[in-house]
Each structure stands twice: as structure tokens, then as C-alpha cells.
N, C-alpha and C. Protein backbone atom coordinates (compact mmCIF):
# COMPACT_ATOMS: atom_id res chain seq x y z
N MET A 1 112.21 65.09 109.60
CA MET A 1 113.40 65.90 109.48
C MET A 1 113.29 66.86 108.31
N GLU A 2 112.75 66.38 107.18
CA GLU A 2 112.61 67.25 106.02
C GLU A 2 111.68 68.42 106.32
N ASN A 3 110.67 68.17 107.08
CA ASN A 3 109.70 69.20 107.41
C ASN A 3 110.36 70.35 108.19
N ASP A 4 111.29 70.04 109.09
CA ASP A 4 112.00 71.07 109.84
C ASP A 4 112.85 71.93 108.92
N SER A 5 113.53 71.31 107.95
CA SER A 5 114.37 72.10 107.04
C SER A 5 113.52 72.96 106.12
N GLU A 6 112.36 72.46 105.73
CA GLU A 6 111.45 73.26 104.90
C GLU A 6 110.94 74.46 105.69
N HIS A 7 110.62 74.23 106.95
CA HIS A 7 110.12 75.32 107.81
C HIS A 7 111.21 76.38 108.00
N THR A 8 112.44 75.96 108.24
CA THR A 8 113.56 76.89 108.41
C THR A 8 113.82 77.65 107.12
N SER A 9 113.77 76.95 105.99
CA SER A 9 113.97 77.58 104.69
C SER A 9 112.88 78.61 104.41
N HIS A 10 111.66 78.24 104.72
CA HIS A 10 110.53 79.15 104.49
C HIS A 10 110.65 80.39 105.37
N ALA A 11 111.06 80.20 106.62
CA ALA A 11 111.21 81.33 107.55
C ALA A 11 112.31 82.27 107.09
N SER A 12 113.43 81.71 106.58
CA SER A 12 114.53 82.58 106.14
C SER A 12 114.15 83.34 104.87
N SER A 13 113.39 82.71 103.96
CA SER A 13 112.97 83.44 102.76
C SER A 13 111.96 84.53 103.12
N LYS A 14 111.17 84.27 104.14
CA LYS A 14 110.21 85.27 104.59
C LYS A 14 110.95 86.48 105.17
N LYS A 15 112.03 86.24 105.92
CA LYS A 15 112.83 87.33 106.49
C LYS A 15 113.52 88.12 105.38
N GLU A 16 113.99 87.42 104.34
CA GLU A 16 114.63 88.11 103.22
C GLU A 16 113.64 89.02 102.50
N LYS A 17 112.43 88.52 102.30
CA LYS A 17 111.39 89.34 101.66
C LYS A 17 111.06 90.55 102.53
N GLN A 18 111.04 90.36 103.85
CA GLN A 18 110.77 91.47 104.78
C GLN A 18 111.86 92.52 104.66
N LYS A 19 113.12 92.09 104.59
CA LYS A 19 114.24 93.03 104.47
C LYS A 19 114.16 93.80 103.16
N LYS A 20 113.84 93.10 102.07
CA LYS A 20 113.70 93.78 100.77
C LYS A 20 112.55 94.77 100.81
N GLY A 21 111.45 94.38 101.42
CA GLY A 21 110.30 95.27 101.53
C GLY A 21 110.62 96.51 102.35
N ASP A 22 111.36 96.31 103.45
CA ASP A 22 111.77 97.46 104.28
C ASP A 22 112.68 98.38 103.49
N PHE A 23 113.62 97.80 102.73
CA PHE A 23 114.55 98.62 101.93
C PHE A 23 113.79 99.47 100.92
N VAL A 24 112.85 98.86 100.23
CA VAL A 24 112.07 99.59 99.22
C VAL A 24 111.23 100.68 99.88
N ARG A 25 110.66 100.38 101.04
CA ARG A 25 109.86 101.38 101.75
C ARG A 25 110.73 102.57 102.17
N TYR A 26 111.90 102.27 102.74
CA TYR A 26 112.80 103.35 103.16
C TYR A 26 113.32 104.15 101.97
N LEU A 27 113.56 103.47 100.87
CA LEU A 27 114.00 104.16 99.66
C LEU A 27 112.91 105.11 99.16
N GLY A 28 111.67 104.66 99.22
CA GLY A 28 110.55 105.51 98.82
C GLY A 28 110.40 106.72 99.72
N VAL A 29 110.57 106.51 101.02
CA VAL A 29 110.47 107.63 101.97
C VAL A 29 111.60 108.63 101.72
N ALA A 30 112.82 108.12 101.51
CA ALA A 30 113.97 109.01 101.28
C ALA A 30 113.77 109.84 100.01
N SER A 31 113.27 109.20 98.95
CA SER A 31 113.07 109.96 97.71
C SER A 31 111.94 110.97 97.86
N THR A 32 110.92 110.63 98.62
CA THR A 32 109.83 111.56 98.86
C THR A 32 110.31 112.79 99.63
N VAL A 33 111.15 112.56 100.63
CA VAL A 33 111.69 113.67 101.41
C VAL A 33 112.55 114.57 100.53
N GLY A 34 113.37 113.97 99.68
CA GLY A 34 114.23 114.77 98.78
C GLY A 34 113.42 115.60 97.80
N ILE A 35 112.42 114.98 97.21
CA ILE A 35 111.56 115.70 96.27
C ILE A 35 110.82 116.82 96.98
N ASN A 36 110.35 116.55 98.20
CA ASN A 36 109.62 117.56 98.96
C ASN A 36 110.51 118.74 99.30
N MET A 37 111.78 118.48 99.67
CA MET A 37 112.70 119.58 99.99
C MET A 37 112.89 120.49 98.78
N VAL A 38 113.10 119.90 97.63
CA VAL A 38 113.31 120.69 96.41
C VAL A 38 112.03 121.44 96.04
N ALA A 39 110.89 120.75 96.10
CA ALA A 39 109.62 121.36 95.69
C ALA A 39 109.26 122.54 96.58
N THR A 40 109.38 122.39 97.90
CA THR A 40 109.00 123.50 98.78
C THR A 40 109.94 124.69 98.61
N THR A 41 111.22 124.42 98.37
CA THR A 41 112.17 125.51 98.15
C THR A 41 111.85 126.26 96.86
N VAL A 42 111.59 125.51 95.79
CA VAL A 42 111.29 126.13 94.49
C VAL A 42 109.96 126.90 94.56
N ILE A 43 108.98 126.33 95.22
CA ILE A 43 107.68 127.00 95.34
C ILE A 43 107.82 128.29 96.15
N GLY A 44 108.58 128.24 97.24
CA GLY A 44 108.82 129.45 98.03
C GLY A 44 109.51 130.53 97.22
N PHE A 45 110.53 130.14 96.46
CA PHE A 45 111.22 131.09 95.61
C PHE A 45 110.28 131.68 94.56
N ALA A 46 109.50 130.81 93.91
CA ALA A 46 108.61 131.26 92.84
C ALA A 46 107.55 132.24 93.37
N ILE A 47 106.98 131.93 94.51
CA ILE A 47 105.99 132.84 95.08
C ILE A 47 106.63 134.19 95.40
N GLY A 48 107.80 134.16 96.01
CA GLY A 48 108.46 135.41 96.37
C GLY A 48 108.87 136.22 95.16
N TYR A 49 109.43 135.56 94.15
CA TYR A 49 109.97 136.28 93.00
C TYR A 49 108.90 136.69 92.02
N TRP A 50 108.13 135.71 91.53
CA TRP A 50 107.19 136.02 90.45
C TRP A 50 105.87 136.58 90.93
N VAL A 51 105.42 136.19 92.09
CA VAL A 51 104.11 136.64 92.53
C VAL A 51 104.20 137.96 93.29
N VAL A 52 105.11 138.07 94.24
CA VAL A 52 105.13 139.25 95.10
C VAL A 52 106.09 140.31 94.59
N ASP A 53 107.37 139.97 94.43
CA ASP A 53 108.38 140.97 94.07
C ASP A 53 108.17 141.59 92.69
N LYS A 54 107.68 140.83 91.74
CA LYS A 54 107.44 141.39 90.39
C LYS A 54 106.38 142.48 90.43
N TYR A 55 105.33 142.26 91.25
CA TYR A 55 104.23 143.23 91.29
C TYR A 55 104.51 144.41 92.20
N LEU A 56 105.25 144.17 93.27
CA LEU A 56 105.52 145.26 94.22
C LEU A 56 106.84 145.96 93.95
N GLY A 57 107.69 145.37 93.13
CA GLY A 57 108.98 145.96 92.82
C GLY A 57 109.91 146.00 94.03
N THR A 58 109.83 144.99 94.86
CA THR A 58 110.62 144.96 96.10
C THR A 58 111.75 143.95 96.06
N PHE A 59 112.14 143.50 94.88
CA PHE A 59 113.20 142.49 94.78
C PHE A 59 114.43 142.94 95.54
N PRO A 60 115.05 142.16 96.33
CA PRO A 60 114.97 140.72 96.61
C PRO A 60 114.29 140.39 97.93
N TRP A 61 113.60 141.31 98.55
CA TRP A 61 113.09 141.10 99.90
C TRP A 61 112.11 139.93 100.02
N PHE A 62 111.05 139.96 99.27
CA PHE A 62 110.06 138.88 99.40
C PHE A 62 110.57 137.57 98.80
N THR A 63 111.47 137.67 97.83
CA THR A 63 112.07 136.44 97.30
C THR A 63 112.83 135.73 98.41
N GLY A 64 113.62 136.46 99.16
CA GLY A 64 114.37 135.87 100.27
C GLY A 64 113.48 135.35 101.38
N ILE A 65 112.45 136.11 101.70
CA ILE A 65 111.53 135.69 102.77
C ILE A 65 110.81 134.41 102.39
N PHE A 66 110.25 134.37 101.19
CA PHE A 66 109.51 133.17 100.77
C PHE A 66 110.44 131.99 100.50
N LEU A 67 111.65 132.26 100.07
CA LEU A 67 112.63 131.18 99.91
C LEU A 67 112.92 130.55 101.27
N LEU A 68 113.14 131.36 102.28
CA LEU A 68 113.36 130.83 103.63
C LEU A 68 112.14 130.07 104.15
N LEU A 69 110.96 130.59 103.88
CA LEU A 69 109.74 129.88 104.30
C LEU A 69 109.62 128.53 103.60
N GLY A 70 110.00 128.46 102.34
CA GLY A 70 109.98 127.19 101.63
C GLY A 70 110.98 126.19 102.20
N ILE A 71 112.17 126.67 102.53
CA ILE A 71 113.18 125.79 103.13
C ILE A 71 112.71 125.30 104.50
N ILE A 72 112.12 126.20 105.28
CA ILE A 72 111.61 125.81 106.60
C ILE A 72 110.50 124.77 106.45
N ALA A 73 109.62 124.96 105.48
CA ALA A 73 108.55 123.99 105.26
C ALA A 73 109.12 122.62 104.88
N GLY A 74 110.17 122.60 104.06
CA GLY A 74 110.80 121.34 103.68
C GLY A 74 111.41 120.63 104.88
N PHE A 75 112.10 121.38 105.74
CA PHE A 75 112.69 120.76 106.93
C PHE A 75 111.62 120.32 107.92
N LYS A 76 110.53 121.05 108.00
CA LYS A 76 109.43 120.65 108.88
C LYS A 76 108.89 119.29 108.43
N HIS A 77 108.72 119.13 107.15
CA HIS A 77 108.25 117.85 106.62
C HIS A 77 109.27 116.75 106.87
N LEU A 78 110.56 117.06 106.70
CA LEU A 78 111.62 116.08 106.95
C LEU A 78 111.57 115.60 108.40
N PHE A 79 111.45 116.51 109.37
CA PHE A 79 111.41 116.12 110.77
C PHE A 79 110.14 115.33 111.10
N LYS A 80 109.05 115.68 110.45
CA LYS A 80 107.79 114.96 110.66
C LYS A 80 107.92 113.51 110.20
N ILE A 81 108.51 113.30 109.04
CA ILE A 81 108.72 111.95 108.52
C ILE A 81 109.71 111.18 109.39
N ALA A 82 110.79 111.84 109.81
CA ALA A 82 111.79 111.18 110.66
C ALA A 82 111.17 110.74 111.98
N ARG A 83 110.33 111.59 112.57
CA ARG A 83 109.67 111.23 113.82
C ARG A 83 108.75 110.03 113.61
N LYS A 84 108.02 110.04 112.51
CA LYS A 84 107.11 108.93 112.21
C LYS A 84 107.87 107.62 112.02
N MET A 85 109.00 107.68 111.31
CA MET A 85 109.81 106.49 111.07
C MET A 85 110.42 105.99 112.38
N GLY A 86 110.82 106.91 113.25
CA GLY A 86 111.37 106.54 114.55
C GLY A 86 110.35 105.84 115.42
N GLU A 87 109.11 106.30 115.37
CA GLU A 87 108.04 105.68 116.16
C GLU A 87 107.73 104.29 115.62
N LYS A 88 107.80 104.07 114.32
CA LYS A 88 107.54 102.76 113.74
C LYS A 88 108.60 101.75 114.14
N ASN A 89 109.87 102.20 114.25
CA ASN A 89 110.96 101.30 114.55
C ASN A 89 111.03 100.92 116.04
N GLU A 90 110.35 101.64 116.88
CA GLU A 90 110.40 101.33 118.31
C GLU A 90 109.45 100.25 118.70
């Protein structure tokens, strides 16, 4: 009888560890997506403003174009990660 309770206890602690591990993994993915969104947007803005518009004197045209490209790149990465996470859960 004791062996059955030990087995049940061990199985429940294993499930708890699995849930904690999943939470930490999802937290890591969420923070990575957030950082990526900010980074791609800032990089797009920086390329448009400091690299192109400063030298060509075309402000704000290339700043806006590269800012939009950075935002699009961030969302592309977000959808890629979401698709990957959806496939893992199925």
C-alpha cells in the first residue's frame, strides 16, 4: 500500500515540475518576442534615420519606410514563434 502512495506522490511531483518547466519556457518565449519587437523597430528606425536620411537629406521618408519594415519584421518573427508553439502543443 505504501508503494502505491509513493508512486502517486512521485507522479504528482513530476507533473508539478513539468508545469513549472512549461511556465518558465513560455515566459522565456514571451520575453524573447517582446525584446525582438522592440529591437527590430529600433533598428529599422535607426537605419532609416541615421544611415539613409542623414546622408540623402530625405527626412522623414526613409525613416518611415525602414520603421515600417522593422515593425513588419518584428510581427513576422512573432507569427513564426506562435506557429511553432502551436505545433508543439498539438
